Structures are given as structure tokens and as C-alpha cells.
Amino acid sequence: MYGPVLYKDIVEGNEDAIRQFIRSGSARMPGFKYGLEPMEINAIVEYLKTVPKPPKSGSPSDSTPGPMD
């Protein structure tokens, strides 16, 4: 994993901070200020506002059902 888990509840209301994070990066994620235009970064932020919160790992929905005997 290279960056934080982002989903709509985190992004909404924090759009400017998320844009800056995408532009500048972090210790775990490279910045994209030289590879993406501002409109592209805005499109990413708008997309992230549609992403639901992921289930916690280890939850029953994460397990793959085995064969039925």
C-alpha cells in the first residue's frame, strides 16, 4: 500500500487538503504535481467523493466461501 485509504467520508469537506496531498505526496506516496494537470487532480477528488468506505479487513465479507460439502 502506497497511500492512505481514501473514501467519500474522508474526502468530503477536505477537498483542498486532498488536492494538496495528491500534488505533493507523502513519505509513502509520490506527488503528482508534475504528472497531472489541476483539472485531472480535481477529477480524482470528485471520484473519491463517490467511493464508499471499505469494509474492515477480517470481516466475514472478506472471506472467500469454500466449496459446499
PDB file of N, CA and C in Angstrom:
ATOM      1  N   MET A   1       0.847  -1.171   0.000  1.00  0.00           N
ATOM      2  CA  MET A   1       0.000   0.000   0.000  1.00  0.00           C
ATOM      3  C   MET A   1       0.896   1.238   0.000  1.00  0.00           C
ATOM      4  N   TYR A   2       0.615   2.148  -0.906  1.00  0.00           N
ATOM      5  CA  TYR A   2       1.476   3.318  -1.051  1.00  0.00           C
ATOM      6  C   TYR A   2       0.880   4.596  -0.495  1.00  0.00           C
ATOM      7  N   GLY A   3      -0.405   4.683  -0.392  1.00  0.00           N
ATOM      8  CA  GLY A   3      -1.057   5.882   0.108  1.00  0.00           C
ATOM      9  C   GLY A   3      -2.157   5.505   1.084  1.00  0.00           C
ATOM     10  N   PRO A   4      -2.801   6.496   1.651  1.00  0.00           N
ATOM     11  CA  PRO A   4      -3.874   6.216   2.605  1.00  0.00           C
ATOM     12  C   PRO A   4      -5.127   5.708   1.898  1.00  0.00           C
ATOM     13  N   VAL A   5      -5.975   5.051   2.634  1.00  0.00           N
ATOM     14  CA  VAL A   5      -7.270   4.626   2.107  1.00  0.00           C
ATOM     15  C   VAL A   5      -8.164   5.865   2.092  1.00  0.00           C
ATOM     16  N   LEU A   6      -8.613   6.249   0.913  1.00  0.00           N
ATOM     17  CA  LEU A   6      -9.452   7.430   0.774  1.00  0.00           C
ATOM     18  C   LEU A   6     -10.842   7.020   0.324  1.00  0.00           C
ATOM     19  N   TYR A   7     -11.837   7.610   0.931  1.00  0.00           N
ATOM     20  CA  TYR A   7     -13.221   7.353   0.564  1.00  0.00           C
ATOM     21  C   TYR A   7     -14.031   8.602   0.889  1.00  0.00           C
ATOM     22  N   LYS A   8     -15.296   8.607   0.463  1.00  0.00           N
ATOM     23  CA  LYS A   8     -16.092   9.834   0.488  1.00  0.00           C
ATOM     24  C   LYS A   8     -16.181  10.497   1.853  1.00  0.00           C
ATOM     25  N   ASP A   9     -16.296   9.747   2.935  1.00  0.00           N
ATOM     26  CA  ASP A   9     -16.428  10.357   4.258  1.00  0.00           C
ATOM     27  C   ASP A   9     -15.179  11.141   4.665  1.00  0.00           C
ATOM     28  N   ILE A  10     -14.025  10.729   4.188  1.00  0.00           N
ATOM     29  CA  ILE A  10     -12.772  11.424   4.496  1.00  0.00           C
ATOM     30  C   ILE A  10     -12.578  12.619   3.572  1.00  0.00           C
ATOM     31  N   VAL A  11     -12.956  12.461   2.312  1.00  0.00           N
ATOM     32  CA  VAL A  11     -12.695  13.482   1.304  1.00  0.00           C
ATOM     33  C   VAL A  11     -13.650  14.666   1.418  1.00  0.00           C
ATOM     34  N   GLU A  12     -14.939  14.402   1.624  1.00  0.00           N
ATOM     35  CA  GLU A  12     -15.921  15.491   1.668  1.00  0.00           C
ATOM     36  C   GLU A  12     -15.589  16.474   2.790  1.00  0.00           C
ATOM     37  N   GLY A  13     -15.485  17.745   2.421  1.00  0.00           N
ATOM     38  CA  GLY A  13     -15.127  18.791   3.374  1.00  0.00           C
ATOM     39  C   GLY A  13     -13.633  19.003   3.497  1.00  0.00           C
ATOM     40  N   ASN A  14     -12.839  18.117   2.921  1.00  0.00           N
ATOM     41  CA  ASN A  14     -11.375  18.209   2.972  1.00  0.00           C
ATOM     42  C   ASN A  14     -10.766  18.239   1.568  1.00  0.00           C
ATOM     43  N   GLU A  15     -11.534  18.716   0.596  1.00  0.00           N
ATOM     44  CA  GLU A  15     -11.097  18.661  -0.792  1.00  0.00           C
ATOM     45  C   GLU A  15      -9.758  19.358  -1.035  1.00  0.00           C
ATOM     46  N   ASP A  16      -9.568  20.535  -0.446  1.00  0.00           N
ATOM     47  CA  ASP A  16      -8.308  21.264  -0.651  1.00  0.00           C
ATOM     48  C   ASP A  16      -7.112  20.495  -0.089  1.00  0.00           C
ATOM     49  N   ALA A  17      -7.274  19.901   1.072  1.00  0.00           N
ATOM     50  CA  ALA A  17      -6.190  19.117   1.664  1.00  0.00           C
ATOM     51  C   ALA A  17      -5.885  17.878   0.834  1.00  0.00           C
ATOM     52  N   ILE A  18      -6.914  17.247   0.294  1.00  0.00           N
ATOM     53  CA  ILE A  18      -6.707  16.060  -0.539  1.00  0.00           C
ATOM     54  C   ILE A  18      -5.993  16.451  -1.828  1.00  0.00           C
ATOM     55  N   ARG A  19      -6.394  17.577  -2.440  1.00  0.00           N
ATOM     56  CA  ARG A  19      -5.707  18.057  -3.653  1.00  0.00           C
ATOM     57  C   ARG A  19      -4.224  18.285  -3.367  1.00  0.00           C
ATOM     58  N   GLN A  20      -3.933  18.931  -2.240  1.00  0.00           N
ATOM     59  CA  GLN A  20      -2.538  19.196  -1.871  1.00  0.00           C
ATOM     60  C   GLN A  20      -1.787  17.885  -1.638  1.00  0.00           C
ATOM     61  N   PHE A  21      -2.431  16.933  -1.009  1.00  0.00           N
ATOM     62  CA  PHE A  21      -1.821  15.628  -0.756  1.00  0.00           C
ATOM     63  C   PHE A  21      -1.479  14.936  -2.077  1.00  0.00           C
ATOM     64  N   ILE A  22      -2.394  14.985  -3.030  1.00  0.00           N
ATOM     65  CA  ILE A  22      -2.150  14.362  -4.341  1.00  0.00           C
ATOM     66  C   ILE A  22      -1.007  15.087  -5.054  1.00  0.00           C
ATOM     67  N   ARG A  23      -0.993  16.414  -4.988  1.00  0.00           N
ATOM     68  CA  ARG A  23       0.074  17.182  -5.645  1.00  0.00           C
ATOM     69  C   ARG A  23       1.440  16.915  -5.029  1.00  0.00           C
ATOM     70  N   SER A  24       1.521  16.977  -3.708  1.00  0.00           N
ATOM     71  CA  SER A  24       2.820  16.927  -3.022  1.00  0.00           C
ATOM     72  C   SER A  24       3.247  15.530  -2.597  1.00  0.00           C
ATOM     73  N   GLY A  25       2.302  14.625  -2.401  1.00  0.00           N
ATOM     74  CA  GLY A  25       2.636  13.281  -1.961  1.00  0.00           C
ATOM     75  C   GLY A  25       2.934  13.221  -0.478  1.00  0.00           C
ATOM     76  N   SER A  26       3.528  12.106  -0.084  1.00  0.00           N
ATOM     77  CA  SER A  26       3.888  11.882   1.317  1.00  0.00           C
ATOM     78  C   SER A  26       5.087  10.943   1.347  1.00  0.00           C
ATOM     79  N   ALA A  27       5.450  10.516   2.522  1.00  0.00           N
ATOM     80  CA  ALA A  27       6.573   9.575   2.649  1.00  0.00           C
ATOM     81  C   ALA A  27       6.234   8.234   1.991  1.00  0.00           C
ATOM     82  N   ARG A  28       4.926   7.896   1.918  1.00  0.00           N
ATOM     83  CA  ARG A  28       4.514   6.612   1.350  1.00  0.00           C
ATOM     84  C   ARG A  28       3.960   6.715  -0.067  1.00  0.00           C
ATOM     85  N   MET A  29       3.734   7.938  -0.563  1.00  0.00           N
ATOM     86  CA  MET A  29       3.128   8.110  -1.877  1.00  0.00           C
ATOM     87  C   MET A  29       3.815   9.254  -2.610  1.00  0.00           C
ATOM     88  N   PRO A  30       4.186   9.037  -3.869  1.00  0.00           N
ATOM     89  CA  PRO A  30       4.800  10.140  -4.619  1.00  0.00           C
ATOM     90  C   PRO A  30       3.778  11.232  -4.922  1.00  0.00           C
ATOM     91  N   GLY A  31       4.261  12.445  -5.110  1.00  0.00           N
ATOM     92  CA  GLY A  31       3.400  13.544  -5.527  1.00  0.00           C
ATOM     93  C   GLY A  31       3.209  13.517  -7.036  1.00  0.00           C
ATOM     94  N   PHE A  32       2.125  14.096  -7.491  1.00  0.00           N
ATOM     95  CA  PHE A  32       1.806  14.066  -8.911  1.00  0.00           C
ATOM     96  C   PHE A  32       1.700  15.457  -9.517  1.00  0.00           C
ATOM     97  N   LYS A  33       2.335  16.464  -8.884  1.00  0.00           N
ATOM     98  CA  LYS A  33       2.215  17.832  -9.385  1.00  0.00           C
ATOM     99  C   LYS A  33       2.853  18.016 -10.757  1.00  0.00           C
ATOM    100  N   TYR A  34       3.789  17.173 -11.128  1.00  0.00           N
ATOM    101  CA  TYR A  34       4.404  17.295 -12.444  1.00  0.00           C
ATOM    102  C   TYR A  34       3.773  16.348 -13.463  1.00  0.00           C
ATOM    103  N   GLY A  35       2.990  15.391 -13.000  1.00  0.00           N
ATOM    104  CA  GLY A  35       2.413  14.412 -13.914  1.00  0.00           C
ATOM    105  C   GLY A  35       0.935  14.596 -14.183  1.00  0.00           C
ATOM    106  N   LEU A  36       0.257  15.387 -13.358  1.00  0.00           N
ATOM    107  CA  LEU A  36      -1.182  15.589 -13.533  1.00  0.00           C
ATOM    108  C   LEU A  36      -1.490  17.076 -13.595  1.00  0.00           C
ATOM    109  N   GLU A  37      -2.405  17.431 -14.464  1.00  0.00           N
ATOM    110  CA  GLU A  37      -2.903  18.804 -14.556  1.00  0.00           C
ATOM    111  C   GLU A  37      -3.882  19.044 -13.403  1.00  0.00           C
ATOM    112  N   PRO A  38      -4.065  20.306 -13.006  1.00  0.00           N
ATOM    113  CA  PRO A  38      -5.026  20.599 -11.933  1.00  0.00           C
ATOM    114  C   PRO A  38      -6.421  20.032 -12.201  1.00  0.00           C
ATOM    115  N   MET A  39      -6.889  20.064 -13.435  1.00  0.00           N
ATOM    116  CA  MET A  39      -8.212  19.518 -13.748  1.00  0.00           C
ATOM    117  C   MET A  39      -8.248  18.009 -13.520  1.00  0.00           C
ATOM    118  N   GLU A  40      -7.136  17.325 -13.767  1.00  0.00           N
ATOM    119  CA  GLU A  40      -7.074  15.880 -13.529  1.00  0.00           C
ATOM    120  C   GLU A  40      -7.112  15.576 -12.035  1.00  0.00           C
ATOM    121  N   ILE A  41      -6.414  16.370 -11.250  1.00  0.00           N
ATOM    122  CA  ILE A  41      -6.445  16.193  -9.793  1.00  0.00           C
ATOM    123  C   ILE A  41      -7.853  16.465  -9.270  1.00  0.00           C
ATOM    124  N   ASN A  42      -8.513  17.489  -9.802  1.00  0.00           N
ATOM    125  CA  ASN A  42      -9.900  17.769  -9.408  1.00  0.00           C
ATOM    126  C   ASN A  42     -10.807  16.587  -9.741  1.00  0.00           C
ATOM    127  N   ALA A  43     -10.587  15.964 -10.890  1.00  0.00           N
ATOM    128  CA  ALA A  43     -11.402  14.806 -11.283  1.00  0.00           C
ATOM    129  C   ALA A  43     -11.184  13.645 -10.316  1.00  0.00           C
ATOM    130  N   ILE A  44      -9.958  13.452  -9.860  1.00  0.00           N
ATOM    131  CA  ILE A  44      -9.669  12.393  -8.886  1.00  0.00           C
ATOM    132  C   ILE A  44     -10.403  12.669  -7.580  1.00  0.00           C
ATOM    133  N   VAL A  45     -10.362  13.918  -7.119  1.00  0.00           N
ATOM    134  CA  VAL A  45     -11.046  14.280  -5.879  1.00  0.00           C
ATOM    135  C   VAL A  45     -12.551  14.052  -6.018  1.00  0.00           C
ATOM    136  N   GLU A  46     -13.114  14.431  -7.147  1.00  0.00           N
ATOM    137  CA  GLU A  46     -14.549  14.212  -7.365  1.00  0.00           C
ATOM    138  C   GLU A  46     -14.868  12.717  -7.389  1.00  0.00           C
ATOM    139  N   TYR A  47     -14.007  11.928  -7.990  1.00  0.00           N
ATOM    140  CA  TYR A  47     -14.213  10.471  -7.987  1.00  0.00           C
ATOM    141  C   TYR A  47     -14.158   9.920  -6.558  1.00  0.00           C
ATOM    142  N   LEU A  48     -13.168  10.357  -5.792  1.00  0.00           N
ATOM    143  CA  LEU A  48     -13.023   9.859  -4.419  1.00  0.00           C
ATOM    144  C   LEU A  48     -14.259  10.162  -3.580  1.00  0.00           C
ATOM    145  N   LYS A  49     -14.985  11.207  -3.925  1.00  0.00           N
ATOM    146  CA  LYS A  49     -16.204  11.548  -3.199  1.00  0.00           C
ATOM    147  C   LYS A  49     -17.336  10.563  -3.480  1.00  0.00           C
ATOM    148  N   THR A  50     -17.120   9.616  -4.407  1.00  0.00           N
ATOM    149  CA  THR A  50     -18.123   8.589  -4.699  1.00  0.00           C
ATOM    150  C   THR A  50     -17.747   7.228  -4.131  1.00  0.00           C
ATOM    151  N   VAL A  51     -16.541   7.103  -3.602  1.00  0.00           N
ATOM    152  CA  VAL A  51     -16.040   5.808  -3.130  1.00  0.00           C
ATOM    153  C   VAL A  51     -16.576   5.519  -1.726  1.00  0.00           C
ATOM    154  N   PRO A  52     -17.266   4.379  -1.549  1.00  0.00           N
ATOM    155  CA  PRO A  52     -17.771   4.044  -0.211  1.00  0.00           C
ATOM    156  C   PRO A  52     -16.632   3.609   0.719  1.00  0.00           C
ATOM    157  N   LYS A  53     -16.896   3.677   2.001  1.00  0.00           N
ATOM    158  CA  LYS A  53     -15.915   3.232   2.996  1.00  0.00           C
ATOM    159  C   LYS A  53     -15.689   1.731   2.820  1.00  0.00           C
ATOM    160  N   PRO A  54     -14.427   1.304   2.731  1.00  0.00           N
ATOM    161  CA  PRO A  54     -14.160  -0.131   2.571  1.00  0.00           C
ATOM    162  C   PRO A  54     -14.464  -0.894   3.850  1.00  0.00           C
ATOM    163  N   PRO A  55     -14.830  -2.173   3.719  1.00  0.00           N
ATOM    164  CA  PRO A  55     -15.066  -2.974   4.922  1.00  0.00           C
ATOM    165  C   PRO A  55     -13.757  -3.197   5.670  1.00  0.00           C
ATOM    166  N   LYS A  56     -13.860  -3.374   6.965  1.00  0.00           N
ATOM    167  CA  LYS A  56     -12.664  -3.675   7.759  1.00  0.00           C
ATOM    168  C   LYS A  56     -12.138  -5.037   7.347  1.00  0.00           C
ATOM    169  N   SER A  57     -10.823  -5.162   7.250  1.00  0.00           N
ATOM    170  CA  SER A  57     -10.255  -6.461   6.895  1.00  0.00           C
ATOM    171  C   SER A  57     -10.501  -7.448   8.023  1.00  0.00           C
ATOM    172  N   GLY A  58     -10.719  -8.688   7.642  1.00  0.00           N
ATOM    173  CA  GLY A  58     -11.017  -9.714   8.618  1.00  0.00           C
ATOM    174  C   GLY A  58     -12.501  -9.872   8.874  1.00  0.00           C
ATOM    175  N   SER A  59     -13.316  -9.026   8.212  1.00  0.00           N
ATOM    176  CA  SER A  59     -14.759  -9.157   8.389  1.00  0.00           C
ATOM    177  C   SER A  59     -15.273 -10.337   7.579  1.00  0.00           C
ATOM    178  N   PRO A  60     -16.424 -10.876   7.913  1.00  0.00           N
ATOM    179  CA  PRO A  60     -16.959 -12.037   7.196  1.00  0.00           C
ATOM    180  C   PRO A  60     -17.099 -11.802   5.696  1.00  0.00           C
ATOM    181  N   SER A  61     -17.322 -10.560   5.260  1.00  0.00           N
ATOM    182  CA  SER A  61     -17.468 -10.303   3.830  1.00  0.00           C
ATOM    183  C   SER A  61     -16.140 -10.422   3.091  1.00  0.00           C
ATOM    184  N   ASP A  62     -15.010 -10.404   3.814  1.00  0.00           N
ATOM    185  CA  ASP A  62     -13.698 -10.535   3.188  1.00  0.00           C
ATOM    186  C   ASP A  62     -13.332 -11.986   2.901  1.00  0.00           C
ATOM    187  N   SER A  63     -13.956 -12.909   3.584  1.00  0.00           N
ATOM    188  CA  SER A  63     -13.569 -14.312   3.408  1.00  0.00           C
ATOM    189  C   SER A  63     -14.189 -14.875   2.149  1.00  0.00           C
ATOM    190  N   THR A  64     -13.440 -15.697   1.484  1.00  0.00           N
ATOM    191  CA  THR A  64     -13.932 -16.367   0.287  1.00  0.00           C
ATOM    192  C   THR A  64     -14.628 -17.649   0.694  1.00  0.00           C
ATOM    193  N   PRO A  65     -15.871 -17.819   0.243  1.00  0.00           N
ATOM    194  CA  PRO A  65     -16.565 -19.032   0.641  1.00  0.00           C
ATOM    195  C   PRO A  65     -15.885 -20.274   0.038  1.00  0.00           C
ATOM    196  N   GLY A  66     -15.826 -21.315   0.819  1.00  0.00           N
ATOM    197  CA  GLY A  66     -15.234 -22.570   0.345  1.00  0.00           C
ATOM    198  C   GLY A  66     -16.274 -23.426  -0.348  1.00  0.00           C
ATOM    199  N   PRO A  67     -15.861 -24.572  -0.843  1.00  0.00           N
ATOM    200  CA  PRO A  67     -16.815 -25.435  -1.519  1.00  0.00           C
ATOM    201  C   PRO A  67     -17.841 -25.984  -0.521  1.00  0.00           C
ATOM    202  N   MET A  68     -19.030 -26.142  -0.997  1.00  0.00           N
ATOM    203  CA  MET A  68     -20.104 -26.697  -0.153  1.00  0.00           C
ATOM    204  C   MET A  68     -19.997 -28.213  -0.174  1.00  0.00           C
ATOM    205  N   ASP A  69     -19.998 -28.856   0.969  1.00  0.00           N
ATOM    206  CA  ASP A  69     -19.930 -30.320   1.052  1.00  0.00           C
ATOM    207  C   ASP A  69     -21.306 -30.911   1.186  1.00  0.00           C
TER     208      ASP A  69
END
